[in-house]
Amino acid sequence: MIYENNALLEIQINFWRQDIKSTIEQALERTPDDRLDWAPLDGMITLGNIFLHISETSDWWFDEVMNGKKSVELVPQSASATPPKPVIKKHMDDHWARLERLFSRDPDVLDKNYQYTGRTKTVTVSGFWIYNHLLEHDVHHRSQINQYLRILGVEPPEI
């Protein structure tokens, strides 16, 4: 397991599993079906697409950068209708499964370096950086989702 001999990582992973995952899942359940394509302002990511963005990000970092598998873009650059909740839920389930695959890895995965080519250069990051980025990313977007829900008058999950 990735957290072998590392109590802090074990605590973080349990927090991810118990608190972050459950509150994001509850937020999706509470999201009104007719508000999946809603955003506070034109040009902002829609509520439904935030959930998809969470999933596509772990797909890109874990499957593509760390494992060399082609990832799937779920939130196209152009405006398009958000799929219904069952489709979003399936992508979120894929996200949680990817994280579990990461958590089940040997701890040395955190020490390895991974490269990707950005717009202007090749970037090298450690597995530990990717792990932290994915945790931060989920927490950040959970807060964004909750803010969107509050604006809509929907009580977000307690965090």
N, C-alpha and C. Protein backbone atom coordinates (compact mmCIF):
# COMPACT_ATOMS: atom_id res chain seq x y z
N MET A 1 0.83 -1.19 0.00
CA MET A 1 0.00 0.00 0.00
C MET A 1 0.87 1.25 0.00
N ILE A 2 0.38 2.28 -0.65
CA ILE A 2 1.14 3.52 -0.79
C ILE A 2 1.51 4.13 0.56
N TYR A 3 0.70 3.87 1.57
CA TYR A 3 0.92 4.50 2.88
C TYR A 3 1.70 3.61 3.85
N GLU A 4 2.29 2.55 3.33
CA GLU A 4 3.08 1.64 4.17
C GLU A 4 4.13 2.43 4.95
N ASN A 5 4.13 2.27 6.26
CA ASN A 5 5.07 2.95 7.16
C ASN A 5 4.95 4.47 7.12
N ASN A 6 3.78 4.98 6.73
CA ASN A 6 3.58 6.43 6.70
C ASN A 6 2.19 6.74 7.24
N ALA A 7 2.12 7.02 8.54
CA ALA A 7 0.84 7.25 9.21
C ALA A 7 0.11 8.47 8.65
N LEU A 8 0.85 9.51 8.26
CA LEU A 8 0.21 10.70 7.72
C LEU A 8 -0.52 10.39 6.42
N LEU A 9 0.12 9.66 5.52
CA LEU A 9 -0.55 9.29 4.27
C LEU A 9 -1.77 8.42 4.55
N GLU A 10 -1.68 7.53 5.50
CA GLU A 10 -2.82 6.68 5.84
C GLU A 10 -3.99 7.54 6.34
N ILE A 11 -3.72 8.54 7.15
CA ILE A 11 -4.76 9.45 7.64
C ILE A 11 -5.36 10.23 6.47
N GLN A 12 -4.51 10.74 5.59
CA GLN A 12 -5.01 11.49 4.43
C GLN A 12 -5.88 10.63 3.53
N ILE A 13 -5.45 9.41 3.28
CA ILE A 13 -6.23 8.52 2.41
C ILE A 13 -7.56 8.17 3.05
N ASN A 14 -7.57 7.93 4.34
CA ASN A 14 -8.84 7.66 5.02
C ASN A 14 -9.75 8.88 4.99
N PHE A 15 -9.18 10.08 5.13
CA PHE A 15 -9.96 11.31 5.01
C PHE A 15 -10.55 11.42 3.61
N TRP A 16 -9.75 11.11 2.60
CA TRP A 16 -10.19 11.14 1.21
C TRP A 16 -11.35 10.17 1.02
N ARG A 17 -11.18 8.95 1.51
CA ARG A 17 -12.20 7.91 1.34
C ARG A 17 -13.49 8.25 2.09
N GLN A 18 -13.36 8.70 3.32
CA GLN A 18 -14.53 8.86 4.18
C GLN A 18 -15.20 10.22 4.06
N ASP A 19 -14.42 11.28 3.97
CA ASP A 19 -15.00 12.62 4.00
C ASP A 19 -15.12 13.26 2.62
N ILE A 20 -14.05 13.26 1.88
CA ILE A 20 -14.10 13.93 0.57
C ILE A 20 -15.03 13.17 -0.37
N LYS A 21 -14.82 11.88 -0.50
CA LYS A 21 -15.64 11.08 -1.41
C LYS A 21 -17.12 11.19 -1.04
N SER A 22 -17.45 11.00 0.22
CA SER A 22 -18.87 11.00 0.61
C SER A 22 -19.52 12.35 0.39
N THR A 23 -18.81 13.44 0.66
CA THR A 23 -19.45 14.75 0.48
C THR A 23 -19.58 15.13 -0.99
N ILE A 24 -18.64 14.70 -1.83
CA ILE A 24 -18.80 14.96 -3.26
C ILE A 24 -19.97 14.13 -3.81
N GLU A 25 -20.07 12.88 -3.37
CA GLU A 25 -21.20 12.04 -3.80
C GLU A 25 -22.54 12.62 -3.32
N GLN A 26 -22.60 13.10 -2.08
CA GLN A 26 -23.82 13.73 -1.57
C GLN A 26 -24.16 14.99 -2.35
N ALA A 27 -23.13 15.76 -2.70
CA ALA A 27 -23.37 16.98 -3.48
C ALA A 27 -23.97 16.66 -4.84
N LEU A 28 -23.49 15.59 -5.48
CA LEU A 28 -24.08 15.19 -6.76
C LEU A 28 -25.53 14.79 -6.58
N GLU A 29 -25.82 14.04 -5.53
CA GLU A 29 -27.21 13.64 -5.26
C GLU A 29 -28.10 14.86 -5.05
N ARG A 30 -27.59 15.88 -4.38
CA ARG A 30 -28.39 17.07 -4.07
C ARG A 30 -28.51 18.04 -5.24
N THR A 31 -27.66 17.87 -6.23
CA THR A 31 -27.71 18.77 -7.38
C THR A 31 -29.00 18.53 -8.16
N PRO A 32 -29.82 19.58 -8.33
CA PRO A 32 -31.04 19.41 -9.13
C PRO A 32 -30.68 19.03 -10.57
N ASP A 33 -31.41 18.07 -11.11
CA ASP A 33 -31.15 17.62 -12.48
C ASP A 33 -31.19 18.77 -13.48
N ASP A 34 -32.09 19.70 -13.25
CA ASP A 34 -32.24 20.80 -14.20
C ASP A 34 -31.21 21.91 -14.01
N ARG A 35 -30.25 21.70 -13.10
CA ARG A 35 -29.20 22.69 -12.85
C ARG A 35 -27.80 22.18 -13.20
N LEU A 36 -27.72 21.00 -13.81
CA LEU A 36 -26.41 20.47 -14.18
C LEU A 36 -25.68 21.38 -15.16
N ASP A 37 -26.42 22.08 -16.03
CA ASP A 37 -25.81 22.98 -17.01
C ASP A 37 -25.73 24.42 -16.52
N TRP A 38 -25.96 24.64 -15.23
CA TRP A 38 -25.95 25.98 -14.67
C TRP A 38 -24.55 26.39 -14.21
N ALA A 39 -24.23 27.66 -14.41
CA ALA A 39 -23.01 28.26 -13.88
C ALA A 39 -23.36 29.67 -13.41
N PRO A 40 -22.66 30.20 -12.42
CA PRO A 40 -22.99 31.53 -11.90
C PRO A 40 -22.90 32.64 -12.95
N LEU A 41 -21.97 32.51 -13.88
CA LEU A 41 -21.79 33.50 -14.94
C LEU A 41 -21.48 32.79 -16.25
N ASP A 42 -21.82 33.42 -17.35
CA ASP A 42 -21.44 32.88 -18.65
C ASP A 42 -19.92 32.72 -18.71
N GLY A 43 -19.48 31.63 -19.29
CA GLY A 43 -18.05 31.38 -19.43
C GLY A 43 -17.45 30.59 -18.28
N MET A 44 -18.19 30.40 -17.20
CA MET A 44 -17.69 29.60 -16.08
C MET A 44 -18.08 28.15 -16.29
N ILE A 45 -17.34 27.26 -15.68
CA ILE A 45 -17.65 25.83 -15.78
C ILE A 45 -19.01 25.57 -15.13
N THR A 46 -19.78 24.70 -15.75
CA THR A 46 -21.10 24.38 -15.20
C THR A 46 -20.98 23.44 -14.00
N LEU A 47 -22.02 23.41 -13.21
CA LEU A 47 -22.04 22.58 -12.02
C LEU A 47 -21.78 21.11 -12.37
N GLY A 48 -22.49 20.58 -13.34
CA GLY A 48 -22.29 19.19 -13.73
C GLY A 48 -20.89 18.91 -14.26
N ASN A 49 -20.34 19.88 -14.98
CA ASN A 49 -19.02 19.67 -15.55
C ASN A 49 -17.91 19.71 -14.50
N ILE A 50 -18.17 20.32 -13.34
CA ILE A 50 -17.16 20.27 -12.28
C ILE A 50 -16.93 18.82 -11.85
N PHE A 51 -18.01 18.07 -11.69
CA PHE A 51 -17.88 16.66 -11.32
C PHE A 51 -17.08 15.90 -12.39
N LEU A 52 -17.40 16.16 -13.65
CA LEU A 52 -16.68 15.49 -14.75
C LEU A 52 -15.21 15.90 -14.77
N HIS A 53 -14.95 17.16 -14.47
CA HIS A 53 -13.57 17.66 -14.45
C HIS A 53 -12.76 16.94 -13.36
N ILE A 54 -13.36 16.70 -12.21
CA ILE A 54 -12.67 15.95 -11.16
C ILE A 54 -12.23 14.59 -11.70
N SER A 55 -13.15 13.91 -12.37
CA SER A 55 -12.85 12.58 -12.90
C SER A 55 -11.80 12.62 -14.01
N GLU A 56 -11.92 13.56 -14.92
CA GLU A 56 -10.97 13.59 -16.03
C GLU A 56 -9.57 13.94 -15.56
N THR A 57 -9.48 14.68 -14.46
CA THR A 57 -8.16 15.06 -13.96
C THR A 57 -7.42 13.86 -13.39
N SER A 58 -8.11 13.02 -12.60
CA SER A 58 -7.43 11.83 -12.09
C SER A 58 -7.10 10.87 -13.23
N ASP A 59 -7.95 10.84 -14.24
CA ASP A 59 -7.69 10.01 -15.42
C ASP A 59 -6.40 10.48 -16.09
N TRP A 60 -6.26 11.78 -16.27
CA TRP A 60 -5.07 12.31 -16.94
C TRP A 60 -3.81 12.07 -16.11
N TRP A 61 -3.84 12.47 -14.83
CA TRP A 61 -2.64 12.34 -14.01
C TRP A 61 -2.27 10.88 -13.75
N PHE A 62 -3.25 10.07 -13.34
CA PHE A 62 -2.92 8.70 -12.95
C PHE A 62 -2.77 7.79 -14.17
N ASP A 63 -3.79 7.76 -15.03
CA ASP A 63 -3.71 6.82 -16.15
C ASP A 63 -2.73 7.27 -17.23
N GLU A 64 -2.78 8.55 -17.60
CA GLU A 64 -1.92 8.98 -18.70
C GLU A 64 -0.50 9.29 -18.25
N VAL A 65 -0.33 10.18 -17.28
CA VAL A 65 1.02 10.59 -16.90
C VAL A 65 1.75 9.47 -16.16
N MET A 66 1.11 8.85 -15.19
CA MET A 66 1.80 7.84 -14.38
C MET A 66 1.85 6.47 -15.05
N ASN A 67 0.85 6.14 -15.86
CA ASN A 67 0.76 4.78 -16.40
C ASN A 67 0.82 4.68 -17.92
N GLY A 68 0.92 5.82 -18.60
CA GLY A 68 1.08 5.80 -20.04
C GLY A 68 -0.14 5.38 -20.84
N LYS A 69 -1.32 5.40 -20.21
CA LYS A 69 -2.56 5.06 -20.91
C LYS A 69 -3.23 6.35 -21.38
N LYS A 70 -3.90 6.30 -22.49
CA LYS A 70 -4.58 7.48 -23.02
C LYS A 70 -5.76 7.84 -22.12
N SER A 71 -5.85 9.09 -21.73
CA SER A 71 -6.97 9.56 -20.92
C SER A 71 -8.10 10.05 -21.82
N VAL A 72 -9.25 10.29 -21.21
CA VAL A 72 -10.44 10.71 -21.95
C VAL A 72 -10.85 12.10 -21.47
N GLU A 73 -10.97 13.04 -22.41
CA GLU A 73 -11.45 14.36 -22.06
C GLU A 73 -12.97 14.31 -21.88
N LEU A 74 -13.44 14.72 -20.70
CA LEU A 74 -14.87 14.69 -20.41
C LEU A 74 -15.53 16.06 -20.50
N VAL A 75 -14.73 17.11 -20.33
CA VAL A 75 -15.27 18.47 -20.38
C VAL A 75 -14.63 19.17 -21.57
N PRO A 76 -15.32 19.16 -22.69
CA PRO A 76 -14.74 19.78 -23.89
C PRO A 76 -14.59 21.30 -23.70
N GLN A 77 -13.67 21.86 -24.45
CA GLN A 77 -13.43 23.29 -24.36
C GLN A 77 -14.65 24.10 -24.81
N SER A 78 -15.38 23.61 -25.78
CA SER A 78 -16.56 24.33 -26.23
C SER A 78 -17.74 23.97 -25.34
N ALA A 79 -18.69 24.88 -25.26
CA ALA A 79 -19.87 24.64 -24.43
C ALA A 79 -20.67 23.48 -25.00
N SER A 80 -21.04 22.57 -24.15
CA SER A 80 -21.88 21.45 -24.55
C SER A 80 -22.72 21.03 -23.37
N ALA A 81 -23.81 20.36 -23.65
CA ALA A 81 -24.71 19.93 -22.59
C ALA A 81 -24.02 18.92 -21.69
N THR A 82 -24.29 19.04 -20.41
CA THR A 82 -23.76 18.10 -19.43
C THR A 82 -24.58 16.82 -19.49
N PRO A 83 -23.95 15.67 -19.40
CA PRO A 83 -24.73 14.43 -19.40
C PRO A 83 -25.57 14.31 -18.13
N PRO A 84 -26.53 13.39 -18.12
CA PRO A 84 -27.37 13.22 -16.94
C PRO A 84 -26.58 12.64 -15.76
N LYS A 85 -27.17 12.75 -14.58
CA LYS A 85 -26.49 12.32 -13.34
C LYS A 85 -25.98 10.88 -13.36
N PRO A 86 -26.73 9.90 -13.90
CA PRO A 86 -26.17 8.54 -13.90
C PRO A 86 -24.84 8.44 -14.66
N VAL A 87 -24.69 9.20 -15.72
CA VAL A 87 -23.42 9.20 -16.47
C VAL A 87 -22.33 9.88 -15.65
N ILE A 88 -22.67 11.00 -15.02
CA ILE A 88 -21.70 11.69 -14.16
C ILE A 88 -21.28 10.76 -13.02
N LYS A 89 -22.25 10.08 -12.40
CA LYS A 89 -21.95 9.18 -11.29
C LYS A 89 -20.99 8.07 -11.74
N LYS A 90 -21.19 7.54 -12.94
CA LYS A 90 -20.31 6.50 -13.45
C LYS A 90 -18.88 7.03 -13.57
N HIS A 91 -18.73 8.25 -14.07
CA HIS A 91 -17.39 8.83 -14.19
C HIS A 91 -16.79 9.09 -12.81
N MET A 92 -17.60 9.49 -11.85
CA MET A 92 -17.09 9.69 -10.49
C MET A 92 -16.68 8.35 -9.88
N ASP A 93 -17.45 7.30 -10.14
CA ASP A 93 -17.06 5.96 -9.66
C ASP A 93 -15.72 5.55 -10.27
N ASP A 94 -15.50 5.89 -11.54
CA ASP A 94 -14.22 5.62 -12.18
C ASP A 94 -13.09 6.39 -11.47
N HIS A 95 -13.38 7.63 -11.09
CA HIS A 95 -12.41 8.46 -10.37
C HIS A 95 -12.01 7.79 -9.06
N TRP A 96 -13.00 7.35 -8.28
CA TRP A 96 -12.69 6.73 -6.99
C TRP A 96 -11.92 5.42 -7.19
N ALA A 97 -12.26 4.68 -8.24
CA ALA A 97 -11.54 3.43 -8.52
C ALA A 97 -10.08 3.71 -8.90
N ARG A 98 -9.85 4.78 -9.67
CA ARG A 98 -8.47 5.16 -10.01
C ARG A 98 -7.69 5.50 -8.75
N LEU A 99 -8.31 6.25 -7.85
CA LEU A 99 -7.62 6.61 -6.61
C LEU A 99 -7.28 5.35 -5.81
N GLU A 100 -8.20 4.41 -5.76
CA GLU A 100 -7.93 3.17 -5.02
C GLU A 100 -6.77 2.41 -5.66
N ARG A 101 -6.65 2.46 -6.99
CA ARG A 101 -5.51 1.82 -7.65
C ARG A 101 -4.21 2.53 -7.26
N LEU A 102 -4.27 3.86 -7.18
CA LEU A 102 -3.10 4.62 -6.72
C LEU A 102 -2.76 4.25 -5.29
N PHE A 103 -3.76 4.20 -4.41
CA PHE A 103 -3.52 3.90 -3.00
C PHE A 103 -2.96 2.49 -2.80
N SER A 104 -3.27 1.58 -3.71
CA SER A 104 -2.82 0.20 -3.56
C SER A 104 -1.39 0.00 -4.07
N ARG A 105 -0.82 1.02 -4.67
CA ARG A 105 0.54 0.92 -5.20
C ARG A 105 1.58 0.83 -4.09
N ASP A 106 2.74 0.36 -4.47
CA ASP A 106 3.89 0.33 -3.58
C ASP A 106 4.31 1.77 -3.28
N PRO A 107 4.79 2.06 -2.07
CA PRO A 107 5.16 3.43 -1.73
C PRO A 107 6.19 4.07 -2.65
N ASP A 108 7.01 3.26 -3.33
CA ASP A 108 8.02 3.86 -4.21
C ASP A 108 7.42 4.64 -5.37
N VAL A 109 6.13 4.45 -5.65
CA VAL A 109 5.47 5.20 -6.71
C VAL A 109 5.53 6.71 -6.41
N LEU A 110 5.59 7.06 -5.13
CA LEU A 110 5.64 8.47 -4.74
C LEU A 110 7.01 9.08 -5.02
N ASP A 111 8.06 8.27 -5.01
CA ASP A 111 9.42 8.76 -5.23
C ASP A 111 9.79 8.86 -6.70
N LYS A 112 9.07 8.15 -7.54
CA LYS A 112 9.38 8.15 -8.97
C LYS A 112 9.05 9.51 -9.58
N ASN A 113 9.75 9.82 -10.66
CA ASN A 113 9.46 11.04 -11.42
C ASN A 113 8.70 10.68 -12.68
N TYR A 114 7.78 11.56 -13.04
CA TYR A 114 6.93 11.37 -14.21
C TYR A 114 7.02 12.62 -15.06
N GLN A 115 6.99 12.43 -16.38
CA GLN A 115 7.09 13.57 -17.29
C GLN A 115 5.85 13.68 -18.15
N TYR A 116 5.53 14.91 -18.48
CA TYR A 116 4.50 15.18 -19.47
C TYR A 116 4.93 16.41 -20.25
N THR A 117 4.45 16.52 -21.45
CA THR A 117 4.78 17.66 -22.27
C THR A 117 3.62 18.63 -22.24
N GLY A 118 3.91 19.82 -21.74
CA GLY A 118 2.90 20.88 -21.69
C GLY A 118 2.89 21.66 -22.99
N ARG A 119 2.30 22.82 -22.94
CA ARG A 119 2.18 23.64 -24.16
C ARG A 119 3.54 24.11 -24.68
N THR A 120 4.46 24.40 -23.75
CA THR A 120 5.73 24.97 -24.18
C THR A 120 6.96 24.21 -23.72
N LYS A 121 6.78 23.23 -22.82
CA LYS A 121 7.96 22.51 -22.32
C LYS A 121 7.57 21.17 -21.72
N THR A 122 8.58 20.36 -21.49
CA THR A 122 8.38 19.09 -20.80
C THR A 122 8.56 19.34 -19.31
N VAL A 123 7.62 18.82 -18.53
CA VAL A 123 7.61 19.03 -17.09
C VAL A 123 7.83 17.69 -16.39
N THR A 124 8.60 17.70 -15.33
CA THR A 124 8.84 16.52 -14.51
C THR A 124 8.29 16.77 -13.12
N VAL A 125 7.49 15.84 -12.63
CA VAL A 125 6.94 15.93 -11.28
C VAL A 125 7.08 14.57 -10.61
N SER A 126 7.09 14.58 -9.29
CA SER A 126 7.19 13.32 -8.56
C SER A 126 5.80 12.72 -8.36
N GLY A 127 5.77 11.44 -8.07
CA GLY A 127 4.51 10.79 -7.72
C GLY A 127 3.89 11.42 -6.49
N PHE A 128 4.72 11.86 -5.56
CA PHE A 128 4.21 12.53 -4.37
C PHE A 128 3.52 13.84 -4.74
N TRP A 129 4.09 14.57 -5.69
CA TRP A 129 3.46 15.81 -6.16
C TRP A 129 2.11 15.49 -6.77
N ILE A 130 2.02 14.46 -7.60
CA ILE A 130 0.75 14.07 -8.23
C ILE A 130 -0.27 13.70 -7.17
N TYR A 131 0.15 12.87 -6.20
CA TYR A 131 -0.74 12.48 -5.11
C TYR A 131 -1.31 13.72 -4.40
N ASN A 132 -0.43 14.65 -4.02
CA ASN A 132 -0.89 15.86 -3.34
C ASN A 132 -1.77 16.73 -4.23
N HIS A 133 -1.42 16.81 -5.49
CA HIS A 133 -2.22 17.61 -6.41
C HIS A 133 -3.64 17.05 -6.53
N LEU A 134 -3.76 15.73 -6.63
CA LEU A 134 -5.09 15.13 -6.74
C LEU A 134 -5.92 15.36 -5.47
N LEU A 135 -5.30 15.27 -4.31
CA LEU A 135 -6.00 15.55 -3.06
C LEU A 135 -6.46 17.01 -3.03
N GLU A 136 -5.55 17.91 -3.32
CA GLU A 136 -5.87 19.34 -3.34
C GLU A 136 -6.97 19.63 -4.37
N HIS A 137 -6.88 19.01 -5.51
CA HIS A 137 -7.84 19.22 -6.59
C HIS A 137 -9.25 18.82 -6.16
N ASP A 138 -9.37 17.64 -5.53
CA ASP A 138 -10.69 17.19 -5.06
C ASP A 138 -11.25 18.14 -4.00
N VAL A 139 -10.42 18.57 -3.06
CA VAL A 139 -10.89 19.48 -2.01
C VAL A 139 -11.31 20.82 -2.62
N HIS A 140 -10.51 21.34 -3.52
CA HIS A 140 -10.82 22.61 -4.18
C HIS A 140 -12.17 22.55 -4.89
N HIS A 141 -12.37 21.53 -5.69
CA HIS A 141 -13.61 21.46 -6.47
C HIS A 141 -14.80 21.07 -5.61
N ARG A 142 -14.59 20.35 -4.53
CA ARG A 142 -15.68 20.10 -3.59
C ARG A 142 -16.19 21.44 -3.05
N SER A 143 -15.29 22.33 -2.72
CA SER A 143 -15.69 23.65 -2.22
C SER A 143 -16.40 24.46 -3.30
N GLN A 144 -15.94 24.36 -4.52
CA GLN A 144 -16.59 25.07 -5.63
C GLN A 144 -18.00 24.54 -5.83
N ILE A 145 -18.16 23.23 -5.81
CA ILE A 145 -19.49 22.62 -5.95
C ILE A 145 -20.41 23.11 -4.83
N ASN A 146 -19.91 23.10 -3.60
CA ASN A 146 -20.73 23.53 -2.48
C ASN A 146 -21.14 24.99 -2.61
N GLN A 147 -20.25 25.83 -3.11
CA GLN A 147 -20.59 27.25 -3.32
C GLN A 147 -21.68 27.37 -4.39
N TYR A 148 -21.57 26.64 -5.46
CA TYR A 148 -22.60 26.66 -6.50
C TYR A 148 -23.94 26.23 -5.90
N LEU A 149 -23.93 25.16 -5.10
CA LEU A 149 -25.18 24.70 -4.50
C LEU A 149 -25.78 25.78 -3.60
N ARG A 150 -24.96 26.44 -2.79
CA ARG A 150 -25.47 27.51 -1.92
C ARG A 150 -26.12 28.63 -2.73
N ILE A 151 -25.47 29.03 -3.83
CA ILE A 151 -26.03 30.07 -4.69
C ILE A 151 -27.41 29.65 -5.20
N LEU A 152 -27.56 28.37 -5.49
CA LEU A 152 -28.84 27.84 -5.99
C LEU A 152 -29.86 27.64 -4.87
N GLY A 153 -29.47 27.86 -3.63
CA GLY A 153 -30.39 27.66 -2.52
C GLY A 153 -30.49 26.22 -2.06
N VAL A 154 -29.52 25.39 -2.47
CA VAL A 154 -29.47 23.99 -2.08
C VAL A 154 -28.49 23.84 -0.93
N GLU A 155 -28.90 23.19 0.14
CA GLU A 155 -28.01 22.97 1.28
C GLU A 155 -26.93 21.96 0.89
N PRO A 156 -25.66 22.39 0.88
CA PRO A 156 -24.60 21.44 0.52
C PRO A 156 -24.34 20.47 1.67
N PRO A 157 -23.64 19.38 1.40
CA PRO A 157 -23.27 18.47 2.46
C PRO A 157 -22.38 19.19 3.48
N GLU A 158 -22.48 18.77 4.71
CA GLU A 158 -21.63 19.34 5.75
C GLU A 158 -20.21 18.81 5.57
N ILE A 159 -19.26 19.74 5.63
CA ILE A 159 -17.85 19.33 5.51
C ILE A 159 -17.10 19.67 6.78
